[in-house]
Amino acid sequence: LLMLFELNNLEYIFGKGIDPDGTDIGYVKLIYHVGIVGTLAISLLYILAFVNVKRLNASDCGKTMILRKFFLFFILLTFFMNYKSLELYSRGSSELFVMMYVFLISSRHARSNLQ
């Protein structure tokens, strides 16, 4: 965390675009990469996806319900694991996030069009 004191005010806000040496804390790396503005934008994306999937019809059964629960667990786990290493938008987690989210939202629209 001492590495954060090396940034000036503008770098705190918008990031420095570098990978800092000497730390493996994901949130510190994220602030160095995209700043506080980018970190909040990325976090907001995950939070909004969590809320949208949480609001999906709870009476779903079968694979959609299981995928929905896994997706919610995946988002929580990603935020938790980001404390130790950079997990947001890395190591294939972003691709898995997008695929699950698009499938869940498109299946909701497909069900609403059938009714």
Protein backbone atom coordinates (compact mmCIF):
# COMPACT_ATOMS: atom_id res chain seq x y z
CA LEU A 1 0.00 0.00 0.00
CA LEU A 2 2.98 2.32 0.37
CA MET A 3 3.24 2.31 -3.41
CA LEU A 4 0.05 4.37 -3.60
CA PHE A 5 1.88 7.29 -2.01
CA GLU A 6 4.15 7.50 -5.07
CA LEU A 7 1.26 8.70 -7.29
CA ASN A 8 0.31 12.34 -7.76
CA ASN A 9 -3.32 13.53 -7.70
CA LEU A 10 -3.90 13.17 -11.44
CA GLU A 11 -2.46 9.64 -11.43
CA TYR A 12 -4.76 8.70 -8.54
CA ILE A 13 -7.77 9.82 -10.55
CA PHE A 14 -6.91 8.46 -14.03
CA GLY A 15 -4.14 5.95 -13.38
CA LYS A 16 -0.59 5.67 -14.61
CA GLY A 17 -1.08 2.82 -17.07
CA ILE A 18 1.76 0.71 -15.67
CA ASP A 19 2.06 -2.52 -13.74
CA PRO A 20 3.61 -1.65 -10.37
CA ASP A 21 6.51 -3.72 -9.10
CA GLY A 22 6.56 -4.95 -5.54
CA THR A 23 2.86 -5.56 -5.00
CA ASP A 24 0.45 -8.32 -5.85
CA ILE A 25 -2.67 -6.66 -4.41
CA GLY A 26 -5.19 -6.49 -7.22
CA TYR A 27 -6.84 -3.25 -6.17
CA VAL A 28 -3.48 -1.43 -6.01
CA LYS A 29 -2.64 -2.71 -9.49
CA LEU A 30 -6.04 -1.60 -10.73
CA ILE A 31 -5.52 1.92 -9.38
CA TYR A 32 -2.13 2.06 -11.08
CA HIS A 33 -3.65 0.86 -14.35
CA VAL A 34 -6.87 2.88 -14.61
CA GLY A 35 -7.01 5.09 -11.51
CA ILE A 36 -9.91 5.58 -9.15
CA VAL A 37 -12.28 6.55 -11.96
CA GLY A 38 -11.56 3.35 -13.88
CA THR A 39 -11.71 1.22 -10.74
CA LEU A 40 -15.14 2.65 -9.90
CA ALA A 41 -16.34 2.13 -13.48
CA ILE A 42 -15.21 -1.51 -13.50
CA SER A 43 -16.71 -2.12 -10.06
CA LEU A 44 -19.97 -0.48 -11.15
CA LEU A 45 -20.15 -2.79 -14.17
CA TYR A 46 -19.85 -5.86 -11.95
CA ILE A 47 -22.28 -4.49 -9.35
CA LEU A 48 -24.91 -3.64 -11.98
CA ALA A 49 -24.55 -7.09 -13.54
CA PHE A 50 -24.93 -8.63 -10.07
CA VAL A 51 -28.10 -6.61 -9.41
CA ASN A 52 -29.58 -7.36 -12.86
CA VAL A 53 -29.03 -11.10 -12.52
CA LYS A 54 -30.25 -11.07 -8.92
CA ARG A 55 -33.49 -9.46 -10.10
CA LEU A 56 -34.14 -12.16 -12.69
CA ASN A 57 -37.17 -14.28 -12.05
CA ALA A 58 -36.44 -16.36 -8.97
CA SER A 59 -38.90 -19.04 -10.06
CA ASP A 60 -36.62 -20.17 -12.90
CA CYS A 61 -35.77 -23.80 -12.77
CA GLY A 62 -33.13 -25.95 -14.37
CA LYS A 63 -29.91 -24.78 -15.92
CA THR A 64 -30.75 -21.07 -15.88
CA MET A 65 -31.27 -21.07 -12.13
CA ILE A 66 -28.01 -22.94 -11.55
CA LEU A 67 -26.13 -20.63 -13.90
CA ARG A 68 -27.65 -17.59 -12.19
CA LYS A 69 -26.51 -18.77 -8.79
CA PHE A 70 -23.06 -19.62 -10.12
CA PHE A 71 -22.82 -16.18 -11.78
CA LEU A 72 -23.64 -14.41 -8.49
CA PHE A 73 -21.08 -16.56 -6.68
CA PHE A 74 -18.54 -15.89 -9.45
CA ILE A 75 -18.89 -12.11 -9.07
CA LEU A 76 -18.49 -12.27 -5.29
CA LEU A 77 -15.51 -14.59 -5.61
CA THR A 78 -13.91 -12.31 -8.22
CA PHE A 79 -14.16 -9.29 -5.91
CA PHE A 80 -12.83 -11.32 -3.00
CA MET A 81 -9.91 -12.79 -4.95
CA ASN A 82 -9.02 -9.40 -6.42
CA TYR A 83 -7.62 -8.52 -3.00
CA LYS A 84 -4.72 -10.93 -3.54
CA SER A 85 -4.24 -10.77 -7.31
CA LEU A 86 -5.71 -8.86 -10.23
CA GLU A 87 -8.79 -10.87 -11.20
CA LEU A 88 -11.03 -8.19 -12.68
CA TYR A 89 -10.54 -8.28 -16.45
CA SER A 90 -7.77 -10.85 -16.38
CA ARG A 91 -7.02 -14.57 -16.67
CA GLY A 92 -10.15 -15.31 -18.66
CA SER A 93 -12.50 -14.19 -15.91
CA SER A 94 -13.81 -11.28 -17.97
CA GLU A 95 -14.64 -13.55 -20.91
CA LEU A 96 -16.49 -15.97 -18.63
CA PHE A 97 -18.29 -13.02 -17.01
CA VAL A 98 -19.47 -11.67 -20.37
CA MET A 99 -20.55 -15.07 -21.71
CA MET A 100 -22.60 -15.92 -18.61
CA TYR A 101 -24.15 -12.45 -18.40
CA VAL A 102 -25.15 -12.33 -22.08
CA PHE A 103 -26.63 -15.83 -21.86
CA LEU A 104 -28.65 -15.03 -18.74
CA ILE A 105 -29.98 -11.74 -20.08
CA SER A 106 -30.77 -13.15 -23.53
CA SER A 107 -32.57 -16.14 -22.00
CA ARG A 108 -34.68 -13.71 -19.96
CA HIS A 109 -35.62 -11.80 -23.13
CA ALA A 110 -36.37 -15.04 -24.97
CA ARG A 111 -38.70 -16.18 -22.16
CA SER A 112 -40.49 -12.83 -22.08
CA ASN A 113 -41.03 -12.94 -25.86
CA LEU A 114 -42.57 -16.42 -25.65
CA GLN A 115 -45.13 -15.36 -23.06
